[in-house]
Amino acid sequence: MKVLNLRCANGHGFEGWFASDDDYMDQNGRGLVECPLCADRVVSRLPSAPRLNLSGAREVVPQPEPKPAPPQPADLQAAWLAAARQLVARTEDVGPRFAEEARRIHYGEVPHRGIRGHATPAEREALQDEGIETMAFPLPRGLDGPLQ
């Protein structure tokens, strides 16, 4: 099998795989080789280095691991929605009583549990001053109430 570097008249480079040089010449002569990008059939062969199969002839050089692709917006949205569902599943909704209930838990008046609800910025600041950590996490509509 021969792997040839080819280029169309529009400058698009691509590879072609052929059984032999004669096979490439035959197919190109009959107009069967075309650019995969623009379908141009005026194709020329570029110089290419031969591939040599030298099994065991050289030391294996470790290749650096490729960098992972940056997350796509749809992936980020799906991860955020999964986190929101987990939050709803693992916490109790105390609604506007959030600050009051957080204090009761913090001071040991009621058993420790995960809660969620609503607090004003002033209430969150007061909780922080008392050493009670909170986190704002906006829930999408439909997850903030009973699910049907």
Protein backbone atom coordinates (compact mmCIF):
# COMPACT_ATOMS: atom_id res chain seq x y z
CA MET A 1 0.00 0.00 0.00
CA LYS A 2 1.37 3.40 -0.96
CA VAL A 3 0.36 6.55 0.91
CA LEU A 4 0.87 9.59 -1.30
CA ASN A 5 0.71 13.28 -0.46
CA LEU A 6 -1.53 14.98 -3.01
CA ARG A 7 -2.67 18.53 -3.76
CA CYS A 8 -5.50 19.83 -5.92
CA ALA A 9 -5.29 22.88 -8.20
CA ASN A 10 -6.94 24.95 -5.43
CA GLY A 11 -4.08 24.21 -3.02
CA HIS A 12 -5.85 21.72 -0.73
CA GLY A 13 -3.46 19.05 0.54
CA PHE A 14 -4.64 15.50 1.30
CA GLU A 15 -3.46 11.88 1.37
CA GLY A 16 -4.30 9.19 -1.12
CA TRP A 17 -3.83 5.44 -0.58
CA PHE A 18 -3.04 3.34 -3.63
CA ALA A 19 -1.87 -0.20 -4.30
CA SER A 20 1.10 1.09 -6.32
CA ASP A 21 2.46 4.07 -8.24
CA ASP A 22 0.94 2.63 -11.40
CA ASP A 23 -2.46 2.41 -9.66
CA TYR A 24 -2.25 6.12 -8.75
CA MET A 25 -1.24 7.08 -12.29
CA ASP A 26 -4.09 5.01 -13.78
CA GLN A 27 -6.78 6.41 -11.45
CA ASN A 28 -5.55 9.99 -11.78
CA GLY A 29 -5.40 9.67 -15.58
CA ARG A 30 -9.02 8.52 -15.68
CA GLY A 31 -10.14 11.41 -13.41
CA LEU A 32 -11.03 9.16 -10.47
CA VAL A 33 -8.87 10.98 -7.91
CA GLU A 34 -10.51 14.12 -6.55
CA CYS A 35 -9.98 16.55 -3.69
CA PRO A 36 -12.13 15.66 -0.66
CA LEU A 37 -12.70 19.36 0.08
CA CYS A 38 -13.60 20.87 -3.29
CA ALA A 39 -13.97 17.83 -5.58
CA ASP A 40 -11.36 19.23 -7.98
CA ARG A 41 -9.98 16.47 -10.21
CA VAL A 42 -6.80 18.26 -11.21
CA VAL A 43 -4.58 16.54 -8.65
CA SER A 44 -0.80 16.43 -8.45
CA ARG A 45 1.53 14.33 -6.35
CA LEU A 46 3.78 16.04 -3.79
CA PRO A 47 7.16 14.78 -2.65
CA SER A 48 6.85 12.52 0.37
CA ALA A 49 9.27 10.70 2.62
CA PRO A 50 9.17 6.92 2.37
CA ARG A 51 7.84 4.95 5.30
CA LEU A 52 10.35 2.41 6.50
CA ASN A 53 9.32 -0.41 8.77
CA LEU A 54 12.36 -0.82 11.01
CA SER A 55 11.05 -3.02 13.77
CA GLY A 56 13.34 -2.93 16.80
CA ALA A 57 15.90 -0.76 15.02
CA ARG A 58 15.63 2.22 17.37
CA GLU A 59 14.79 3.16 20.90
CA VAL A 60 11.19 4.03 21.63
CA VAL A 61 10.87 7.72 22.44
CA PRO A 62 7.98 8.48 24.80
CA GLN A 63 5.49 10.88 23.26
CA PRO A 64 4.03 13.68 25.38
CA GLU A 65 0.38 13.18 26.21
CA PRO A 66 -1.89 15.38 24.10
CA LYS A 67 -3.59 18.22 25.89
CA PRO A 68 -7.28 17.58 26.48
CA ALA A 69 -9.66 19.57 24.35
CA PRO A 70 -11.27 22.52 26.13
CA PRO A 71 -14.77 21.76 27.36
CA GLN A 72 -17.54 22.75 25.01
CA PRO A 73 -20.45 24.95 26.17
CA ALA A 74 -22.91 22.06 25.89
CA ASP A 75 -20.65 19.91 28.11
CA LEU A 76 -20.40 22.67 30.70
CA GLN A 77 -24.16 23.16 30.68
CA ALA A 78 -24.75 19.42 31.14
CA ALA A 79 -22.27 19.29 34.06
CA TRP A 80 -23.91 22.29 35.74
CA LEU A 81 -27.38 20.75 35.33
CA ALA A 82 -26.13 17.45 36.80
CA ALA A 83 -24.69 19.35 39.79
CA ALA A 84 -28.01 21.18 40.26
CA ARG A 85 -29.91 17.88 40.25
CA GLN A 86 -27.52 16.43 42.84
CA LEU A 87 -27.95 19.52 45.02
CA VAL A 88 -31.73 19.21 44.90
CA ALA A 89 -31.61 15.46 45.58
CA ARG A 90 -29.28 15.80 48.61
CA THR A 91 -30.66 18.88 50.35
CA GLU A 92 -33.87 19.99 52.02
CA ASP A 93 -35.61 23.11 50.69
CA VAL A 94 -36.27 25.46 53.64
CA GLY A 95 -37.28 28.38 51.40
CA PRO A 96 -37.13 31.86 52.96
CA ARG A 97 -36.23 30.36 56.38
CA PHE A 98 -32.72 29.58 55.12
CA ALA A 99 -30.77 31.98 57.40
CA GLU A 100 -32.77 30.94 60.48
CA GLU A 101 -32.37 27.22 59.76
CA ALA A 102 -28.63 27.59 58.98
CA ARG A 103 -28.12 29.21 62.40
CA ARG A 104 -30.07 26.44 64.14
CA ILE A 105 -27.89 23.80 62.48
CA HIS A 106 -24.67 25.73 63.20
CA TYR A 107 -25.45 26.15 66.91
CA GLY A 108 -26.54 22.51 67.31
CA GLU A 109 -30.24 23.20 67.97
CA VAL A 110 -31.23 20.74 65.24
CA PRO A 111 -29.37 17.80 63.62
CA HIS A 112 -26.86 18.61 60.88
CA ARG A 113 -28.26 18.26 57.35
CA GLY A 114 -27.89 19.84 53.93
CA ILE A 115 -30.33 22.67 53.27
CA ARG A 116 -31.10 25.06 50.48
CA GLY A 117 -33.34 28.10 50.31
CA HIS A 118 -33.39 31.84 49.84
CA ALA A 119 -31.39 34.49 51.69
CA THR A 120 -30.85 38.15 51.03
CA PRO A 121 -27.33 39.49 50.57
CA ALA A 122 -27.55 41.04 54.06
CA GLU A 123 -28.57 37.68 55.56
CA ARG A 124 -25.70 35.91 53.79
CA GLU A 125 -23.26 38.53 55.08
CA ALA A 126 -24.56 38.15 58.63
CA LEU A 127 -24.21 34.37 58.40
CA GLN A 128 -20.64 34.76 57.17
CA ASP A 129 -19.85 37.10 60.11
CA GLU A 130 -21.06 34.32 62.45
CA GLY A 131 -18.76 31.80 60.75
CA ILE A 132 -21.54 30.06 58.83
CA GLU A 133 -20.47 29.31 55.28
CA THR A 134 -23.05 29.58 52.49
CA MET A 135 -22.90 29.37 48.74
CA ALA A 136 -25.21 30.92 46.15
CA PHE A 137 -26.24 28.42 43.48
CA PRO A 138 -28.99 29.45 41.07
CA LEU A 139 -31.35 26.61 40.23
CA PRO A 140 -33.11 26.39 36.87
CA ARG A 141 -36.89 26.67 36.84
CA GLY A 142 -38.48 23.32 37.51
CA LEU A 143 -35.72 22.16 39.84
CA ASP A 144 -36.47 24.73 42.53
CA GLY A 145 -39.83 23.19 43.43
CA PRO A 146 -41.54 19.83 43.39
CA LEU A 147 -40.67 17.76 40.34
CA GLN A 148 -43.54 16.27 38.37
